[in-house]
Amino acid sequence: MPYLTTEKKATIFTTYGGKPTNTGSIEGQVALLTERINHISNHLKGNKKDFSSQRGLMMMVGNRKRLLTYLSKHDLTGYRALIEKLGLRK
């Protein structure tokens, strides 16, 4: 059973992107990446030697960082609201 079903993706994009079909929104993509990063992080706590998942995790973190940098340059208030909503930076 996949951890991220289509209903879960639709709720993520509805919450952060506005509509379930708005999959191109930066906010929705960052929220989806955050969900995947949290899932893989929990997987790696129990499987410390899974290096391919570890590499995938680092690539996702870098991708999320690039998207957040883009968002901070183009929409600073939206960026601040999103990191507050997701609880990313302290």
C-alpha atoms as a PDB file:
ATOM      1  CA  MET A   1       0.000   0.000   0.000  1.00  0.00           C
ATOM      2  CA  PRO A   2       1.524   3.326  -1.004  1.00  0.00           C
ATOM      3  CA  TYR A   3       2.059   5.868   1.723  1.00  0.00           C
ATOM      4  CA  LEU A   4       0.895   8.746  -0.471  1.00  0.00           C
ATOM      5  CA  THR A   5      -2.459   8.032  -2.085  1.00  0.00           C
ATOM      6  CA  THR A   6      -4.164  10.212  -4.659  1.00  0.00           C
ATOM      7  CA  GLU A   7      -6.618  11.428  -2.014  1.00  0.00           C
ATOM      8  CA  LYS A   8      -3.737  12.465   0.244  1.00  0.00           C
ATOM      9  CA  LYS A   9      -2.069  14.321  -2.647  1.00  0.00           C
ATOM     10  CA  ALA A  10      -5.357  16.032  -3.480  1.00  0.00           C
ATOM     11  CA  THR A  11      -5.755  17.219   0.118  1.00  0.00           C
ATOM     12  CA  ILE A  12      -2.170  18.507   0.180  1.00  0.00           C
ATOM     13  CA  PHE A  13      -2.673  20.473  -3.040  1.00  0.00           C
ATOM     14  CA  THR A  14      -6.072  21.715  -1.859  1.00  0.00           C
ATOM     15  CA  THR A  15      -4.616  22.923   1.440  1.00  0.00           C
ATOM     16  CA  TYR A  16      -1.508  24.595   0.050  1.00  0.00           C
ATOM     17  CA  GLY A  17      -2.136  25.116  -3.679  1.00  0.00           C
ATOM     18  CA  GLY A  18      -5.776  26.193  -3.660  1.00  0.00           C
ATOM     19  CA  LYS A  19      -7.302  23.460  -5.862  1.00  0.00           C
ATOM     20  CA  PRO A  20      -6.573  19.737  -6.133  1.00  0.00           C
ATOM     21  CA  THR A  21      -5.698  20.186  -9.806  1.00  0.00           C
ATOM     22  CA  ASN A  22      -3.221  23.009  -9.125  1.00  0.00           C
ATOM     23  CA  THR A  23      -0.231  20.673  -8.986  1.00  0.00           C
ATOM     24  CA  GLY A  24       2.143  23.259 -10.435  1.00  0.00           C
ATOM     25  CA  SER A  25       1.929  25.694  -7.545  1.00  0.00           C
ATOM     26  CA  ILE A  26       5.182  26.188  -5.679  1.00  0.00           C
ATOM     27  CA  GLU A  27       3.437  25.965  -2.312  1.00  0.00           C
ATOM     28  CA  GLY A  28       1.836  22.643  -3.200  1.00  0.00           C
ATOM     29  CA  GLN A  29       5.096  21.206  -4.520  1.00  0.00           C
ATOM     30  CA  VAL A  30       6.960  22.228  -1.356  1.00  0.00           C
ATOM     31  CA  ALA A  31       4.236  20.698   0.828  1.00  0.00           C
ATOM     32  CA  LEU A  32       4.348  17.439  -1.157  1.00  0.00           C
ATOM     33  CA  LEU A  33       8.136  17.297  -0.946  1.00  0.00           C
ATOM     34  CA  THR A  34       7.942  17.943   2.795  1.00  0.00           C
ATOM     35  CA  GLU A  35       5.535  15.024   3.193  1.00  0.00           C
ATOM     36  CA  ARG A  36       7.842  12.731   1.209  1.00  0.00           C
ATOM     37  CA  ILE A  37      10.922  13.935   3.128  1.00  0.00           C
ATOM     38  CA  ASN A  38       9.240  13.212   6.459  1.00  0.00           C
ATOM     39  CA  HIS A  39       8.258   9.721   5.285  1.00  0.00           C
ATOM     40  CA  ILE A  40      11.759   8.850   4.068  1.00  0.00           C
ATOM     41  CA  SER A  41      13.326  10.307   7.216  1.00  0.00           C
ATOM     42  CA  ASN A  42      11.216   7.959   9.326  1.00  0.00           C
ATOM     43  CA  HIS A  43      12.232   5.059   7.065  1.00  0.00           C
ATOM     44  CA  LEU A  44      15.916   5.893   7.467  1.00  0.00           C
ATOM     45  CA  LYS A  45      15.668   5.909  11.265  1.00  0.00           C
ATOM     46  CA  GLY A  46      15.073   2.170  11.156  1.00  0.00           C
ATOM     47  CA  ASN A  47      17.196   1.388   8.070  1.00  0.00           C
ATOM     48  CA  LYS A  48      20.451   3.237   8.586  1.00  0.00           C
ATOM     49  CA  LYS A  49      22.328   1.490   5.762  1.00  0.00           C
ATOM     50  CA  ASP A  50      19.799   2.261   3.016  1.00  0.00           C
ATOM     51  CA  PHE A  51      22.093   4.569   1.110  1.00  0.00           C
ATOM     52  CA  SER A  52      20.000   4.846  -2.050  1.00  0.00           C
ATOM     53  CA  SER A  53      17.075   6.217  -0.042  1.00  0.00           C
ATOM     54  CA  GLN A  54      19.481   8.514   1.749  1.00  0.00           C
ATOM     55  CA  ARG A  55      20.675   9.901  -1.590  1.00  0.00           C
ATOM     56  CA  GLY A  56      17.090  10.370  -2.740  1.00  0.00           C
ATOM     57  CA  LEU A  57      16.333  12.196   0.490  1.00  0.00           C
ATOM     58  CA  MET A  58      19.237  14.589  -0.034  1.00  0.00           C
ATOM     59  CA  MET A  59      18.081  15.271  -3.594  1.00  0.00           C
ATOM     60  CA  MET A  60      14.546  16.030  -2.380  1.00  0.00           C
ATOM     61  CA  VAL A  61      15.858  18.351   0.334  1.00  0.00           C
ATOM     62  CA  GLY A  62      17.904  20.222  -2.294  1.00  0.00           C
ATOM     63  CA  ASN A  63      14.913  20.477  -4.607  1.00  0.00           C
ATOM     64  CA  ARG A  64      12.736  21.815  -1.783  1.00  0.00           C
ATOM     65  CA  LYS A  65      15.438  24.332  -0.912  1.00  0.00           C
ATOM     66  CA  ARG A  66      15.558  25.587  -4.510  1.00  0.00           C
ATOM     67  CA  LEU A  67      11.775  25.942  -4.626  1.00  0.00           C
ATOM     68  CA  LEU A  68      11.749  27.816  -1.311  1.00  0.00           C
ATOM     69  CA  THR A  69      14.512  30.145  -2.544  1.00  0.00           C
ATOM     70  CA  TYR A  70      12.470  30.903  -5.659  1.00  0.00           C
ATOM     71  CA  LEU A  71       9.373  31.544  -3.560  1.00  0.00           C
ATOM     72  CA  SER A  72      11.242  33.829  -1.160  1.00  0.00           C
ATOM     73  CA  LYS A  73      12.536  35.930  -4.066  1.00  0.00           C
ATOM     74  CA  HIS A  74       9.143  36.269  -5.778  1.00  0.00           C
ATOM     75  CA  ASP A  75       6.600  36.211  -2.919  1.00  0.00           C
ATOM     76  CA  LEU A  76       8.100  36.917   0.487  1.00  0.00           C
ATOM     77  CA  THR A  77       4.818  36.982   2.406  1.00  0.00           C
ATOM     78  CA  GLY A  78       3.715  33.701   0.808  1.00  0.00           C
ATOM     79  CA  TYR A  79       7.099  32.199   1.679  1.00  0.00           C
ATOM     80  CA  ARG A  80       6.817  33.229   5.309  1.00  0.00           C
ATOM     81  CA  ALA A  81       3.261  31.914   5.542  1.00  0.00           C
ATOM     82  CA  LEU A  82       4.261  28.591   3.994  1.00  0.00           C
ATOM     83  CA  ILE A  83       7.226  27.906   6.258  1.00  0.00           C
ATOM     84  CA  GLU A  84       5.070  28.843   9.238  1.00  0.00           C
ATOM     85  CA  LYS A  85       2.320  26.479   8.086  1.00  0.00           C
ATOM     86  CA  LEU A  86       4.718  23.600   7.433  1.00  0.00           C
ATOM     87  CA  GLY A  87       6.901  24.293  10.471  1.00  0.00           C
ATOM     88  CA  LEU A  88      10.120  24.143   8.491  1.00  0.00           C
ATOM     89  CA  ARG A  89      12.404  26.798   9.927  1.00  0.00           C
ATOM     90  CA  LYS A  90      12.595  27.832  13.504  1.00  0.00           C
END
